[in-house]
Protein backbone atom coordinates (compact mmCIF):
# COMPACT_ATOMS: atom_id res chain seq x y z
CA MET A 1 -19.05 -6.68 -10.89
CA LYS A 2 -17.10 -3.52 -11.65
CA LYS A 3 -13.83 -3.83 -13.50
CA ILE A 4 -10.84 -3.00 -11.30
CA GLY A 5 -7.99 -1.07 -12.89
CA ILE A 6 -4.65 -1.75 -11.19
CA VAL A 7 -1.64 0.51 -11.70
CA GLY A 8 1.04 -2.04 -10.86
CA GLY A 9 4.73 -2.68 -11.26
CA MET A 10 5.64 -0.65 -8.16
CA THR A 11 6.90 -3.31 -7.83
CA TRP A 12 5.78 -6.42 -9.71
CA VAL A 13 6.39 -8.44 -6.53
CA SER A 14 3.62 -6.69 -4.60
CA THR A 15 1.43 -6.47 -7.73
CA VAL A 16 1.37 -10.28 -7.81
CA GLU A 17 0.10 -10.23 -4.23
CA TYR A 18 -2.58 -7.69 -5.12
CA TYR A 19 -3.78 -9.92 -7.94
CA ARG A 20 -3.91 -12.94 -5.64
CA LEU A 21 -5.71 -11.15 -2.82
CA ILE A 22 -8.26 -9.45 -5.07
CA ASN A 23 -9.19 -12.65 -6.87
CA LYS A 24 -9.32 -14.58 -3.60
CA GLY A 25 -11.52 -11.89 -2.08
CA ILE A 26 -13.96 -11.90 -4.98
CA ASN A 27 -14.20 -15.69 -4.87
CA GLU A 28 -14.73 -15.83 -1.10
CA ILE A 29 -17.71 -13.48 -1.42
CA SER A 30 -19.18 -14.59 -4.75
CA GLY A 31 -18.38 -18.29 -4.59
CA ASN A 32 -18.26 -20.93 -7.33
CA LEU A 33 -15.58 -20.06 -9.88
CA ASN A 34 -16.03 -16.29 -9.69
CA SER A 35 -12.87 -14.21 -9.93
CA ALA A 36 -12.09 -10.54 -10.43
CA GLU A 37 -12.62 -8.64 -13.64
CA CYS A 38 -9.47 -6.55 -13.63
CA ILE A 39 -7.08 -4.76 -15.94
CA ILE A 40 -3.44 -4.38 -14.87
CA TYR A 41 -1.22 -1.65 -16.26
CA SER A 42 2.17 -2.83 -15.02
CA LEU A 43 4.84 -0.12 -15.12
CA ASN A 44 8.59 -0.51 -15.48
CA PHE A 45 9.75 0.43 -12.00
CA GLU A 46 13.26 1.29 -13.23
CA GLU A 47 11.78 4.13 -15.29
CA ILE A 48 9.85 5.41 -12.30
CA ILE A 49 12.72 5.53 -9.82
CA ASN A 50 14.82 7.50 -12.31
CA LYS A 51 12.21 10.27 -12.64
CA ASP A 52 11.47 13.31 -10.49
CA TRP A 53 7.96 13.65 -9.07
CA GLU A 54 6.68 15.53 -12.12
CA GLY A 55 7.92 12.71 -14.32
CA ILE A 56 6.35 10.11 -12.04
CA TYR A 57 3.07 12.03 -12.11
CA SER A 58 3.04 11.95 -15.91
CA ILE A 59 3.65 8.19 -15.94
CA LEU A 60 0.93 7.49 -13.39
CA LEU A 61 -1.56 9.82 -15.06
CA ASN A 62 -1.00 8.10 -18.41
CA ALA A 63 -1.48 4.70 -16.76
CA CYS A 64 -4.74 5.81 -15.14
CA LYS A 65 -6.04 7.21 -18.42
CA MET A 66 -5.12 4.02 -20.25
CA LEU A 67 -7.05 1.99 -17.67
CA GLU A 68 -9.99 4.36 -18.03
CA LYS A 69 -9.97 3.92 -21.82
CA SER A 70 -9.70 0.15 -21.38
CA GLY A 71 -12.97 -0.04 -19.48
CA ALA A 72 -11.89 0.06 -15.83
CA GLU A 73 -14.55 1.36 -13.46
CA LEU A 74 -12.34 2.03 -10.46
CA ILE A 75 -8.57 2.37 -10.00
CA ILE A 76 -6.05 1.38 -7.38
CA LEU A 77 -2.44 2.51 -7.26
CA ALA A 78 -0.65 -0.62 -6.07
CA ALA A 79 1.96 1.20 -3.96
CA ASN A 80 1.84 3.31 -0.81
CA THR A 81 4.43 5.91 -1.84
CA ALA A 82 2.59 6.56 -5.13
CA HIS A 83 -0.28 7.94 -3.05
CA TYR A 84 1.76 11.09 -2.59
CA LEU A 85 0.17 11.93 -5.97
CA ALA A 86 -3.24 10.31 -5.43
CA ASP A 87 -5.26 13.47 -4.83
CA ARG A 88 -3.65 15.20 -7.80
CA LEU A 89 -4.38 12.21 -10.03
CA GLN A 90 -7.95 12.00 -8.78
CA ALA A 91 -8.54 15.57 -9.89
CA GLU A 92 -7.71 14.52 -13.47
CA ILE A 93 -9.47 11.15 -13.55
CA SER A 94 -13.24 10.66 -13.60
CA LEU A 95 -13.02 7.15 -12.10
CA PRO A 96 -12.72 6.75 -8.32
CA ILE A 97 -9.17 6.07 -7.11
CA ILE A 98 -9.38 3.90 -4.00
CA ASN A 99 -6.96 5.53 -1.57
CA ILE A 100 -4.75 3.13 0.39
CA ILE A 101 -4.24 5.58 3.27
CA SER A 102 -7.96 6.20 3.72
CA ALA A 103 -8.63 2.47 3.62
CA THR A 104 -5.92 1.90 6.23
CA ALA A 105 -7.35 4.64 8.45
CA ASP A 106 -10.74 2.90 8.29
CA ALA A 107 -9.10 -0.37 9.35
CA ILE A 108 -7.34 1.35 12.26
CA HIS A 109 -10.62 2.94 13.38
CA GLN A 110 -12.22 -0.50 13.50
CA THR A 111 -9.70 -1.48 16.20
CA GLY A 112 -10.17 1.73 18.18
CA LEU A 113 -6.45 2.58 18.12
CA GLU A 114 -5.27 6.19 18.15
CA LYS A 115 -1.49 5.90 17.70
CA VAL A 116 0.37 3.67 15.26
CA GLY A 117 3.91 3.07 14.10
CA LEU A 118 4.51 3.68 10.41
CA LEU A 119 7.00 1.67 8.38
CA GLY A 120 7.51 2.33 4.69
CA THR A 121 9.89 3.77 2.18
CA ARG A 122 12.11 6.56 3.43
CA PHE A 123 9.92 9.05 1.54
CA THR A 124 6.72 7.71 3.11
CA MET A 125 8.21 7.86 6.60
CA GLU A 126 10.01 11.20 6.36
CA THR A 127 7.50 13.35 4.47
CA ASP A 128 4.11 14.34 5.80
CA PHE A 129 1.64 13.16 3.14
CA TYR A 130 0.90 9.81 4.82
CA LYS A 131 1.07 11.03 8.42
CA ASN A 132 -1.10 14.06 7.66
CA LYS A 133 -3.82 11.98 6.02
CA LEU A 134 -3.88 9.68 9.03
CA ALA A 135 -3.94 12.72 11.32
CA GLN A 136 -7.00 14.04 9.47
CA GLU A 137 -8.68 10.83 10.59
CA GLY A 138 -7.61 11.38 14.19
CA ILE A 139 -4.75 8.89 14.07
CA GLN A 140 -1.28 9.82 15.31
CA SER A 141 1.68 8.07 13.71
CA VAL A 142 5.29 7.65 14.76
CA ILE A 143 8.28 6.54 12.70
CA PRO A 144 11.70 5.12 13.65
CA GLU A 145 13.68 7.88 15.33
CA LYS A 146 17.12 7.14 13.86
CA GLN A 147 18.09 8.09 10.33
CA SER A 148 20.18 4.92 10.12
CA THR A 149 17.09 2.84 10.90
CA ARG A 150 15.03 4.53 8.21
CA ASP A 151 17.90 4.05 5.77
CA PHE A 152 18.04 0.35 6.65
CA ILE A 153 14.32 -0.03 5.95
CA GLN A 154 14.71 1.71 2.60
CA ASP A 155 17.68 -0.49 1.65
CA THR A 156 15.77 -3.62 2.63
CA ILE A 157 12.84 -2.62 0.45
CA SER A 158 15.05 -1.72 -2.52
CA TYR A 159 17.61 -4.51 -2.45
CA GLU A 160 15.72 -7.41 -0.89
CA LEU A 161 11.92 -7.23 -0.86
CA GLU A 162 11.51 -5.67 -4.30
CA LYS A 163 13.59 -8.57 -5.64
CA GLU A 164 11.56 -11.14 -3.67
CA ILE A 165 14.47 -11.85 -1.31
CA ILE A 166 13.39 -12.77 2.23
CA ASN A 167 16.12 -12.97 4.89
CA THR A 168 15.68 -14.21 8.45
CA GLU A 169 18.20 -11.70 9.80
CA THR A 170 16.36 -8.85 8.11
CA LYS A 171 13.09 -10.01 9.62
CA GLU A 172 14.61 -10.05 13.10
CA ALA A 173 15.92 -6.51 12.55
CA PHE A 174 12.43 -5.36 11.53
CA LEU A 175 10.93 -6.93 14.63
CA THR A 176 13.44 -5.03 16.75
CA ILE A 177 12.42 -1.80 15.01
CA ILE A 178 8.76 -2.62 15.64
CA ARG A 179 9.44 -3.18 19.34
CA GLU A 180 11.13 0.25 19.45
CA LEU A 181 8.02 1.83 17.90
CA ILE A 182 5.87 0.13 20.52
CA ASP A 183 8.17 1.61 23.16
CA GLN A 184 7.43 5.01 21.55
CA GLY A 185 3.76 4.43 22.26
CA ALA A 186 2.59 2.76 19.05
CA GLN A 187 -0.52 0.68 19.71
CA GLY A 188 -0.34 -0.92 16.27
CA ILE A 189 1.97 -1.06 13.25
CA VAL A 190 1.16 0.10 9.73
CA LEU A 191 3.11 -1.79 7.09
CA GLY A 192 3.08 1.24 4.82
CA CYS A 193 4.95 -0.31 1.92
CA THR A 194 3.27 -3.02 -0.13
CA GLU A 195 6.38 -5.22 0.00
CA ILE A 196 6.84 -5.23 3.80
CA PRO A 197 3.95 -7.70 4.36
CA LEU A 198 6.04 -10.24 2.48
CA LEU A 199 8.41 -10.12 5.48
CA ILE A 200 6.25 -9.28 8.50
CA LYS A 201 2.99 -11.02 9.45
CA GLN A 202 0.49 -10.46 12.24
CA SER A 203 1.70 -13.64 13.92
CA ASP A 204 5.14 -12.04 14.34
CA VAL A 205 3.93 -9.03 16.32
CA GLU A 206 2.12 -8.66 19.64
CA VAL A 207 0.10 -5.58 18.64
CA PRO A 208 -2.27 -5.20 15.67
CA VAL A 209 -0.52 -5.11 12.30
CA PHE A 210 -2.11 -3.26 9.39
CA ASP A 211 -1.14 -4.96 6.12
CA THR A 212 -1.85 -2.17 3.65
CA THR A 213 -1.70 -4.50 0.64
CA ALA A 214 -4.43 -6.71 2.10
CA ILE A 215 -6.47 -3.73 3.32
CA HIS A 216 -6.29 -2.00 -0.06
CA SER A 217 -7.16 -5.19 -1.92
CA ALA A 218 -10.18 -5.81 0.32
CA LYS A 219 -11.40 -2.25 -0.28
CA ALA A 220 -11.06 -2.77 -4.04
CA VAL A 221 -13.07 -5.99 -3.76
CA ALA A 222 -15.82 -4.29 -1.77
CA SER A 223 -15.96 -1.42 -4.26
CA ALA A 224 -16.05 -3.80 -7.23
CA LEU A 225 -18.97 -5.71 -5.75
CA SER A 226 -20.93 -2.66 -4.64
CA SER A 227 -23.95 -1.66 -6.70
CA LYS A 228 -23.22 0.60 -9.65
């Protein structure tokens, strides 16, 4: 089994879920009392959100190098938005960084869908890094049309989900947003923030839901158990 290096703390709430899913995945495949060999470098999210992208890059690069020195054999960045820097980090790190967007594109391909709705942080929705990478895989993505809607999603992530606060009213608002994306032609919904799956489940939605935390964790498990 390869050692998985996890750059976590973005936020700790979703990092806990990564840890659970990765260990569960290893055990389901390997059986008995097998669990993951992993090293977690958990960052202080307050420091990250107060940095510009160059500052964030330096923090993430240091975390990746620390994991590399600690014996990790592959790395995952436990946050969708952090993948804005994934290719740049990969160029500086000899270990493979398992890309959450690529893993999600693979999952979408397995369903045969060509157009998905994308929910995530305001940065993930409004910039092109996520949408372009999906487009390179032949997948079109749409986001909520209204600025106020995207602001609401960002506020929910920042002030509720990242603090492990789950509200019924917020969930209903998200389901309304998802229905609007379906009206825009979305055949499935990408939960492109690792905290959103805490709120929205497949059972809540009539079209396929792509839980990026679960998808990314499963890819890490598969990579850890692949032959060296």
